[in-house]
PDB file of all heavy atoms in Angstrom:
ATOM      1  N   ALA A   1       0.823  -1.213   0.000  1.00  0.00           N
ATOM      2  CA  ALA A   1       0.000   0.000   0.000  1.00  0.00           C
ATOM      3  C   ALA A   1       0.851   1.255   0.000  1.00  0.00           C
ATOM      4  O   ALA A   1       0.480   2.277  -0.579  1.00  0.00           O
ATOM      5  CB  ALA A   1      -0.929  -0.007   1.209  1.00  0.00           C
ATOM      6  N   HIS A   2       2.021   1.178   0.633  1.00  0.00           N
ATOM      7  CA  HIS A   2       2.898   2.349   0.713  1.00  0.00           C
ATOM      8  C   HIS A   2       3.857   2.457  -0.458  1.00  0.00           C
ATOM      9  O   HIS A   2       4.395   3.533  -0.720  1.00  0.00           O
ATOM     10  CB  HIS A   2       3.685   2.331   2.028  1.00  0.00           C
ATOM     11  CG  HIS A   2       2.884   2.771   3.203  1.00  0.00           C
ATOM     12  ND1 HIS A   2       2.543   4.082   3.423  1.00  0.00           N
ATOM     13  CD2 HIS A   2       2.307   2.063   4.216  1.00  0.00           C
ATOM     14  CE1 HIS A   2       1.819   4.186   4.526  1.00  0.00           C
ATOM     15  NE2 HIS A   2       1.647   2.967   5.028  1.00  0.00           N
ATOM     16  N   THR A   3       4.089   1.354  -1.181  1.00  0.00           N
ATOM     17  CA  THR A   3       5.022   1.399  -2.314  1.00  0.00           C
ATOM     18  C   THR A   3       4.309   1.473  -3.656  1.00  0.00           C
ATOM     19  O   THR A   3       4.936   1.547  -4.699  1.00  0.00           O
ATOM     20  CB  THR A   3       5.936   0.155  -2.314  1.00  0.00           C
ATOM     21  OG1 THR A   3       5.132  -1.029  -2.354  1.00  0.00           O
ATOM     22  CG2 THR A   3       6.807   0.135  -1.066  1.00  0.00           C
ATOM     23  N   GLY A   4       2.959   1.439  -3.610  1.00  0.00           N
ATOM     24  CA  GLY A   4       2.202   1.580  -4.849  1.00  0.00           C
ATOM     25  C   GLY A   4       1.993   0.305  -5.612  1.00  0.00           C
ATOM     26  O   GLY A   4       1.491   0.316  -6.731  1.00  0.00           O
ATOM     27  N   VAL A   5       2.382  -0.853  -5.030  1.00  0.00           N
ATOM     28  CA  VAL A   5       2.165  -2.133  -5.697  1.00  0.00           C
ATOM     29  C   VAL A   5       0.693  -2.510  -5.554  1.00  0.00           C
ATOM     30  O   VAL A   5       0.165  -2.517  -4.447  1.00  0.00           O
ATOM     31  CB  VAL A   5       3.039  -3.244  -5.073  1.00  0.00           C
ATOM     32  CG1 VAL A   5       2.746  -4.578  -5.724  1.00  0.00           C
ATOM     33  CG2 VAL A   5       4.503  -2.867  -5.219  1.00  0.00           C
ATOM     34  N   PRO A   6      -0.005  -2.817  -6.667  1.00  0.00           N
ATOM     35  CA  PRO A   6      -1.433  -3.162  -6.581  1.00  0.00           C
ATOM     36  C   PRO A   6      -1.659  -4.365  -5.677  1.00  0.00           C
ATOM     37  O   PRO A   6      -0.911  -5.336  -5.706  1.00  0.00           O
ATOM     38  CB  PRO A   6      -1.807  -3.485  -8.033  1.00  0.00           C
ATOM     39  CG  PRO A   6      -0.796  -2.774  -8.861  1.00  0.00           C
ATOM     40  CD  PRO A   6       0.472  -2.850  -8.062  1.00  0.00           C
ATOM     41  N   VAL A   7      -2.706  -4.302  -4.864  1.00  0.00           N
ATOM     42  CA  VAL A   7      -3.118  -5.426  -4.012  1.00  0.00           C
ATOM     43  C   VAL A   7      -4.602  -5.653  -4.230  1.00  0.00           C
ATOM     44  O   VAL A   7      -5.311  -4.770  -4.687  1.00  0.00           O
ATOM     45  CB  VAL A   7      -2.852  -5.120  -2.520  1.00  0.00           C
ATOM     46  CG1 VAL A   7      -1.379  -5.012  -2.257  1.00  0.00           C
ATOM     47  CG2 VAL A   7      -3.580  -3.860  -2.080  1.00  0.00           C
ATOM     48  N   PRO A   8      -5.122  -6.865  -3.971  1.00  0.00           N
ATOM     49  CA  PRO A   8      -6.533  -7.149  -4.174  1.00  0.00           C
ATOM     50  C   PRO A   8      -7.419  -6.177  -3.412  1.00  0.00           C
ATOM     51  O   PRO A   8      -7.153  -5.854  -2.252  1.00  0.00           O
ATOM     52  CB  PRO A   8      -6.675  -8.581  -3.613  1.00  0.00           C
ATOM     53  CG  PRO A   8      -5.310  -9.163  -3.728  1.00  0.00           C
ATOM     54  CD  PRO A   8      -4.387  -8.023  -3.470  1.00  0.00           C
ATOM     55  N   ASP A   9      -8.495  -5.717  -4.075  1.00  0.00           N
ATOM     56  CA  ASP A   9      -9.464  -4.822  -3.441  1.00  0.00           C
ATOM     57  C   ASP A   9      -8.752  -3.640  -2.794  1.00  0.00           C
ATOM     58  O   ASP A   9      -9.011  -3.260  -1.661  1.00  0.00           O
ATOM     59  CB  ASP A   9     -10.264  -5.585  -2.369  1.00  0.00           C
ATOM     60  CG  ASP A   9     -11.642  -4.971  -2.175  1.00  0.00           C
ATOM     61  OD1 ASP A   9     -12.040  -4.123  -2.984  1.00  0.00           O
ATOM     62  OD2 ASP A   9     -12.298  -5.352  -1.205  1.00  0.00           O
ATOM     63  N   LYS A  10      -7.820  -3.053  -3.534  1.00  0.00           N
ATOM     64  CA  LYS A  10      -6.934  -2.027  -2.986  1.00  0.00           C
ATOM     65  C   LYS A  10      -7.712  -0.841  -2.440  1.00  0.00           C
ATOM     66  O   LYS A  10      -8.677  -0.390  -3.016  1.00  0.00           O
ATOM     67  CB  LYS A  10      -5.972  -1.540  -4.070  1.00  0.00           C
ATOM     68  CG  LYS A  10      -4.891  -0.595  -3.539  1.00  0.00           C
ATOM     69  CD  LYS A  10      -3.954  -0.193  -4.650  1.00  0.00           C
ATOM     70  CE  LYS A  10      -2.816   0.660  -4.122  1.00  0.00           C
ATOM     71  NZ  LYS A  10      -3.269   1.912  -3.568  1.00  0.00           N
ATOM     72  N   LEU A  11      -7.250  -0.315  -1.329  1.00  0.00           N
ATOM     73  CA  LEU A  11      -7.860   0.867  -0.753  1.00  0.00           C
ATOM     74  C   LEU A  11      -7.640   2.052  -1.676  1.00  0.00           C
ATOM     75  O   LEU A  11      -6.613   2.179  -2.326  1.00  0.00           O
ATOM     76  CB  LEU A  11      -7.213   1.175   0.605  1.00  0.00           C
ATOM     77  CG  LEU A  11      -7.381   0.110   1.684  1.00  0.00           C
ATOM     78  CD1 LEU A  11      -6.516   0.464   2.883  1.00  0.00           C
ATOM     79  CD2 LEU A  11      -8.830   0.015   2.097  1.00  0.00           C
ATOM     80  N   THR A  12      -8.603   2.930  -1.746  1.00  0.00           N
ATOM     81  CA  THR A  12      -8.490   4.130  -2.565  1.00  0.00           C
ATOM     82  C   THR A  12      -7.868   5.250  -1.750  1.00  0.00           C
ATOM     83  O   THR A  12      -8.385   5.605  -0.699  1.00  0.00           O
ATOM     84  CB  THR A  12      -9.872   4.579  -3.063  1.00  0.00           C
ATOM     85  OG1 THR A  12     -10.428   3.535  -3.854  1.00  0.00           O
ATOM     86  CG2 THR A  12      -9.779   5.829  -3.897  1.00  0.00           C
ATOM     87  N   GLU A  13      -6.777   5.803  -2.217  1.00  0.00           N
ATOM     88  CA  GLU A  13      -6.180   6.948  -1.568  1.00  0.00           C
ATOM     89  C   GLU A  13      -6.301   8.123  -2.511  1.00  0.00           C
ATOM     90  O   GLU A  13      -5.909   8.082  -3.658  1.00  0.00           O
ATOM     91  CB  GLU A  13      -4.706   6.697  -1.256  1.00  0.00           C
ATOM     92  CG  GLU A  13      -4.485   5.810  -0.053  1.00  0.00           C
ATOM     93  CD  GLU A  13      -3.029   5.814   0.380  1.00  0.00           C
ATOM     94  OE1 GLU A  13      -2.351   6.821   0.124  1.00  0.00           O
ATOM     95  OE2 GLU A  13      -2.602   4.820   0.943  1.00  0.00           O
ATOM     96  N   SER A  14      -6.857   9.216  -2.027  1.00  0.00           N
ATOM     97  CA  SER A  14      -7.044  10.390  -2.859  1.00  0.00           C
ATOM     98  C   SER A  14      -7.147  11.613  -1.970  1.00  0.00           C
ATOM     99  O   SER A  14      -7.662  11.548  -0.862  1.00  0.00           O
ATOM    100  CB  SER A  14      -8.328  10.247  -3.695  1.00  0.00           C
ATOM    101  OG  SER A  14      -8.630  11.459  -4.322  1.00  0.00           O
ATOM    102  N   ASP A  15      -6.635  12.703  -2.449  1.00  0.00           N
ATOM    103  CA  ASP A  15      -6.759  13.938  -1.691  1.00  0.00           C
ATOM    104  C   ASP A  15      -8.143  14.538  -1.835  1.00  0.00           C
ATOM    105  O   ASP A  15      -8.508  15.480  -1.143  1.00  0.00           O
ATOM    106  CB  ASP A  15      -5.708  14.962  -2.176  1.00  0.00           C
ATOM    107  CG  ASP A  15      -4.299  14.542  -1.780  1.00  0.00           C
ATOM    108  OD1 ASP A  15      -4.149  13.806  -0.793  1.00  0.00           O
ATOM    109  OD2 ASP A  15      -3.356  14.969  -2.472  1.00  0.00           O
ATOM    110  N   THR A  16      -8.935  14.042  -2.777  1.00  0.00           N
ATOM    111  CA  THR A  16     -10.235  14.642  -3.040  1.00  0.00           C
ATOM    112  C   THR A  16     -11.395  13.769  -2.610  1.00  0.00           C
ATOM    113  O   THR A  16     -12.491  14.261  -2.402  1.00  0.00           O
ATOM    114  CB  THR A  16     -10.398  14.944  -4.545  1.00  0.00           C
ATOM    115  OG1 THR A  16     -10.257  13.723  -5.290  1.00  0.00           O
ATOM    116  CG2 THR A  16      -9.334  15.927  -4.996  1.00  0.00           C
ATOM    117  N   ARG A  17     -11.197  12.450  -2.480  1.00  0.00           N
ATOM    118  CA  ARG A  17     -12.295  11.594  -2.061  1.00  0.00           C
ATOM    119  C   ARG A  17     -11.765  10.285  -1.487  1.00  0.00           C
ATOM    120  O   ARG A  17     -10.644   9.869  -1.746  1.00  0.00           O
ATOM    121  CB  ARG A  17     -13.225  11.291  -3.225  1.00  0.00           C
ATOM    122  CG  ARG A  17     -12.622  10.385  -4.289  1.00  0.00           C
ATOM    123  CD  ARG A  17     -13.631   9.995  -5.338  1.00  0.00           C
ATOM    124  NE  ARG A  17     -13.075   9.054  -6.290  1.00  0.00           N
ATOM    125  CZ  ARG A  17     -13.785   8.464  -7.252  1.00  0.00           C
ATOM    126  NH1 ARG A  17     -15.052   8.727  -7.382  1.00  0.00           N
ATOM    127  NH2 ARG A  17     -13.214   7.613  -8.080  1.00  0.00           N
ATOM    128  N   TRP A  18     -12.608   9.671  -0.675  1.00  0.00           N
ATOM    129  CA  TRP A  18     -12.308   8.349  -0.137  1.00  0.00           C
ATOM    130  C   TRP A  18     -13.458   7.438  -0.530  1.00  0.00           C
ATOM    131  O   TRP A  18     -14.624   7.835  -0.477  1.00  0.00           O
ATOM    132  CB  TRP A  18     -12.195   8.408   1.388  1.00  0.00           C
ATOM    133  CG  TRP A  18     -12.287   7.052   2.022  1.00  0.00           C
ATOM    134  CD1 TRP A  18     -11.278   6.147   2.153  1.00  0.00           C
ATOM    135  CD2 TRP A  18     -13.449   6.431   2.575  1.00  0.00           C
ATOM    136  NE1 TRP A  18     -11.739   5.000   2.761  1.00  0.00           N
ATOM    137  CE2 TRP A  18     -13.066   5.149   3.030  1.00  0.00           C
ATOM    138  CE3 TRP A  18     -14.782   6.832   2.726  1.00  0.00           C
ATOM    139  CZ2 TRP A  18     -13.967   4.269   3.630  1.00  0.00           C
ATOM    140  CZ3 TRP A  18     -15.681   5.963   3.324  1.00  0.00           C
ATOM    141  CH2 TRP A  18     -15.274   4.688   3.773  1.00  0.00           C
ATOM    142  N   LEU A  19     -13.130   6.220  -0.934  1.00  0.00           N
ATOM    143  CA  LEU A  19     -14.155   5.244  -1.265  1.00  0.00           C
ATOM    144  C   LEU A  19     -13.903   3.962  -0.482  1.00  0.00           C
ATOM    145  O   LEU A  19     -12.760   3.552  -0.314  1.00  0.00           O
ATOM    146  CB  LEU A  19     -14.155   4.927  -2.762  1.00  0.00           C
ATOM    147  CG  LEU A  19     -14.540   6.060  -3.712  1.00  0.00           C
ATOM    148  CD1 LEU A  19     -14.455   5.577  -5.154  1.00  0.00           C
ATOM    149  CD2 LEU A  19     -15.930   6.577  -3.405  1.00  0.00           C
ATOM    150  N   PRO A  20     -14.971   3.321  -0.017  1.00  0.00           N
ATOM    151  CA  PRO A  20     -14.805   2.055   0.698  1.00  0.00           C
ATOM    152  C   PRO A  20     -14.477   0.936  -0.286  1.00  0.00           C
ATOM    153  O   PRO A  20     -14.711   1.056  -1.490  1.00  0.00           O
ATOM    154  CB  PRO A  20     -16.172   1.835   1.345  1.00  0.00           C
ATOM    155  CG  PRO A  20     -17.126   2.487   0.376  1.00  0.00           C
ATOM    156  CD  PRO A  20     -16.390   3.705  -0.125  1.00  0.00           C
ATOM    157  N   THR A  21     -13.952  -0.152   0.211  1.00  0.00           N
ATOM    158  CA  THR A  21     -13.747  -1.335  -0.607  1.00  0.00           C
ATOM    159  C   THR A  21     -15.071  -2.099  -0.681  1.00  0.00           C
ATOM    160  O   THR A  21     -15.994  -1.860   0.107  1.00  0.00           O
ATOM    161  CB  THR A  21     -12.673  -2.251   0.006  1.00  0.00           C
ATOM    162  OG1 THR A  21     -13.118  -2.692   1.289  1.00  0.00           O
ATOM    163  CG2 THR A  21     -11.349  -1.521   0.150  1.00  0.00           C
ATOM    164  N   ILE A  22     -15.165  -3.039  -1.616  1.00  0.00           N
ATOM    165  CA  ILE A  22     -16.376  -3.849  -1.724  1.00  0.00           C
ATOM    166  C   ILE A  22     -16.602  -4.634  -0.432  1.00  0.00           C
ATOM    167  O   ILE A  22     -17.733  -4.741   0.050  1.00  0.00           O
ATOM    168  CB  ILE A  22     -16.290  -4.804  -2.932  1.00  0.00           C
ATOM    169  CG1 ILE A  22     -16.399  -3.996  -4.241  1.00  0.00           C
ATOM    170  CG2 ILE A  22     -17.391  -5.861  -2.876  1.00  0.00           C
ATOM    171  CD1 ILE A  22     -16.294  -4.818  -5.498  1.00  0.00           C
ATOM    172  N   SER A  23     -15.529  -5.157   0.156  1.00  0.00           N
ATOM    173  CA  SER A  23     -15.676  -5.927   1.389  1.00  0.00           C
ATOM    174  C   SER A  23     -16.208  -5.064   2.525  1.00  0.00           C
ATOM    175  O   SER A  23     -16.973  -5.538   3.374  1.00  0.00           O
ATOM    176  CB  SER A  23     -14.345  -6.566   1.779  1.00  0.00           C
ATOM    177  OG  SER A  23     -13.366  -5.589   2.026  1.00  0.00           O
ATOM    178  N   GLU A  24     -15.837  -3.802   2.549  1.00  0.00           N
ATOM    179  CA  GLU A  24     -16.339  -2.897   3.592  1.00  0.00           C
ATOM    180  C   GLU A  24     -17.826  -2.602   3.399  1.00  0.00           C
ATOM    181  O   GLU A  24     -18.584  -2.512   4.373  1.00  0.00           O
ATOM    182  CB  GLU A  24     -15.532  -1.601   3.588  1.00  0.00           C
ATOM    183  CG  GLU A  24     -14.140  -1.764   4.176  1.00  0.00           C
ATOM    184  CD  GLU A  24     -13.262  -0.553   3.990  1.00  0.00           C
ATOM    185  OE1 GLU A  24     -13.441   0.188   2.998  1.00  0.00           O
ATOM    186  OE2 GLU A  24     -12.371  -0.340   4.830  1.00  0.00           O
ATOM    187  N   VAL A  25     -18.256  -2.456   2.151  1.00  0.00           N
ATOM    188  CA  VAL A  25     -19.672  -2.236   1.885  1.00  0.00           C
ATOM    189  C   VAL A  25     -20.470  -3.492   2.225  1.00  0.00           C
ATOM    190  O   VAL A  25     -21.569  -3.422   2.788  1.00  0.00           O
ATOM    191  CB  VAL A  25     -19.897  -1.818   0.414  1.00  0.00           C
ATOM    192  CG1 VAL A  25     -21.388  -1.722   0.092  1.00  0.00           C
ATOM    193  CG2 VAL A  25     -19.234  -0.461   0.144  1.00  0.00           C
ATOM    194  N   GLN A  26     -19.911  -4.659   1.909  1.00  0.00           N
ATOM    195  CA  GLN A  26     -20.566  -5.919   2.269  1.00  0.00           C
ATOM    196  C   GLN A  26     -20.728  -6.018   3.783  1.00  0.00           C
ATOM    197  O   GLN A  26     -21.787  -6.421   4.286  1.00  0.00           O
ATOM    198  CB  GLN A  26     -19.739  -7.104   1.757  1.00  0.00           C
ATOM    199  CG  GLN A  26     -19.750  -7.263   0.250  1.00  0.00           C
ATOM    200  CD  GLN A  26     -18.769  -8.316  -0.230  1.00  0.00           C
ATOM    201  OE1 GLN A  26     -17.740  -8.569   0.405  1.00  0.00           O
ATOM    202  NE2 GLN A  26     -19.085  -8.949  -1.348  1.00  0.00           N
ATOM    203  N   ARG A  27     -19.680  -5.666   4.505  1.00  0.00           N
ATOM    204  CA  ARG A  27     -19.711  -5.758   5.966  1.00  0.00           C
ATOM    205  C   ARG A  27     -20.731  -4.788   6.551  1.00  0.00           C
ATOM    206  O   ARG A  27     -21.401  -5.097   7.541  1.00  0.00           O
ATOM    207  CB  ARG A  27     -18.309  -5.470   6.519  1.00  0.00           C
ATOM    208  CG  ARG A  27     -18.164  -5.638   8.009  1.00  0.00           C
ATOM    209  CD  ARG A  27     -16.707  -5.942   8.373  1.00  0.00           C
ATOM    210  NE  ARG A  27     -15.789  -5.008   7.755  1.00  0.00           N
ATOM    211  CZ  ARG A  27     -15.464  -3.833   8.287  1.00  0.00           C
ATOM    212  NH1 ARG A  27     -15.993  -3.448   9.423  1.00  0.00           N
ATOM    213  NH2 ARG A  27     -14.598  -3.043   7.678  1.00  0.00           N
ATOM    214  N   THR A  28     -20.860  -3.616   5.933  1.00  0.00           N
ATOM    215  CA  THR A  28     -21.845  -2.640   6.406  1.00  0.00           C
ATOM    216  C   THR A  28     -23.260  -3.165   6.197  1.00  0.00           C
ATOM    217  O   THR A  28     -24.121  -3.052   7.078  1.00  0.00           O
ATOM    218  CB  THR A  28     -21.672  -1.302   5.668  1.00  0.00           C
ATOM    219  OG1 THR A  28     -20.316  -0.851   5.785  1.00  0.00           O
ATOM    220  CG2 THR A  28     -22.584  -0.237   6.263  1.00  0.00           C
ATOM    221  N   LEU A  29     -23.515  -3.765   5.035  1.00  0.00           N
ATOM    222  CA  LEU A  29     -24.828  -4.352   4.771  1.00  0.00           C
ATOM    223  C   LEU A  29     -25.123  -5.468   5.765  1.00  0.00           C
ATOM    224  O   LEU A  29     -26.245  -5.595   6.276  1.00  0.00           O
ATOM    225  CB  LEU A  29     -24.889  -4.891   3.345  1.00  0.00           C
ATOM    226  CG  LEU A  29     -26.202  -5.577   2.931  1.00  0.00           C
ATOM    227  CD1 LEU A  29     -27.355  -4.584   2.926  1.00  0.00           C
ATOM    228  CD2 LEU A  29     -26.052  -6.229   1.563  1.00  0.00           C
ATOM    229  N   ASP A  30     -24.115  -6.274   6.080  1.00  0.00           N
ATOM    230  CA  ASP A  30     -24.283  -7.399   7.004  1.00  0.00           C
ATOM    231  C   ASP A  30     -24.539  -6.954   8.436  1.00  0.00           C
ATOM    232  O   ASP A  30     -24.918  -7.776   9.276  1.00  0.00           O
ATOM    233  CB  ASP A  30     -23.046  -8.300   6.984  1.00  0.00           C
ATOM    234  CG  ASP A  30     -22.947  -9.119   5.708  1.00  0.00           C
ATOM    235  OD1 ASP A  30     -23.967  -9.231   5.005  1.00  0.00           O
ATOM    236  OD2 ASP A  30     -21.853  -9.630   5.413  1.00  0.00           O
ATOM    237  N   SER A  31     -24.316  -5.667   8.730  1.00  0.00           N
ATOM    238  CA  SER A  31     -24.459  -5.192  10.109  1.00  0.00           C
ATOM    239  C   SER A  31     -25.904  -5.124  10.576  1.00  0.00           C
ATOM    240  O   SER A  31     -26.167  -4.942  11.762  1.00  0.00           O
ATOM    241  CB  SER A  31     -23.812  -3.801  10.260  1.00  0.00           C
ATOM    242  OG  SER A  31     -24.588  -2.806   9.576  1.00  0.00           O
ATOM    243  N   THR A  32     -26.851  -5.268   9.663  1.00  0.00           N
ATOM    244  CA  THR A  32     -28.262  -5.206  10.047  1.00  0.00           C
ATOM    245  C   THR A  32     -29.081  -6.244   9.300  1.00  0.00           C
ATOM    246  O   THR A  32     -28.738  -6.626   8.180  1.00  0.00           O
ATOM    247  CB  THR A  32     -28.855  -3.809   9.782  1.00  0.00           C
ATOM    248  OG1 THR A  32     -30.211  -3.763  10.253  1.00  0.00           O
ATOM    249  CG2 THR A  32     -28.836  -3.483   8.290  1.00  0.00           C
ATOM    250  N   GLY A  33     -30.164  -6.667   9.935  1.00  0.00           N
ATOM    251  CA  GLY A  33     -31.101  -7.568   9.275  1.00  0.00           C
ATOM    252  C   GLY A  33     -32.420  -6.874   9.010  1.00  0.00           C
ATOM    253  O   GLY A  33     -33.360  -7.481   8.503  1.00  0.00           O
TER     254      GLY A  33
END
């Protein structure tokens, strides 16, 4: 993540926006029934 080598479901780093990973969105959906 610090050397710029791509990793699966890589975190988005940007000075203008932040986006969650798919796994984070899945986990958020799973937080409620």
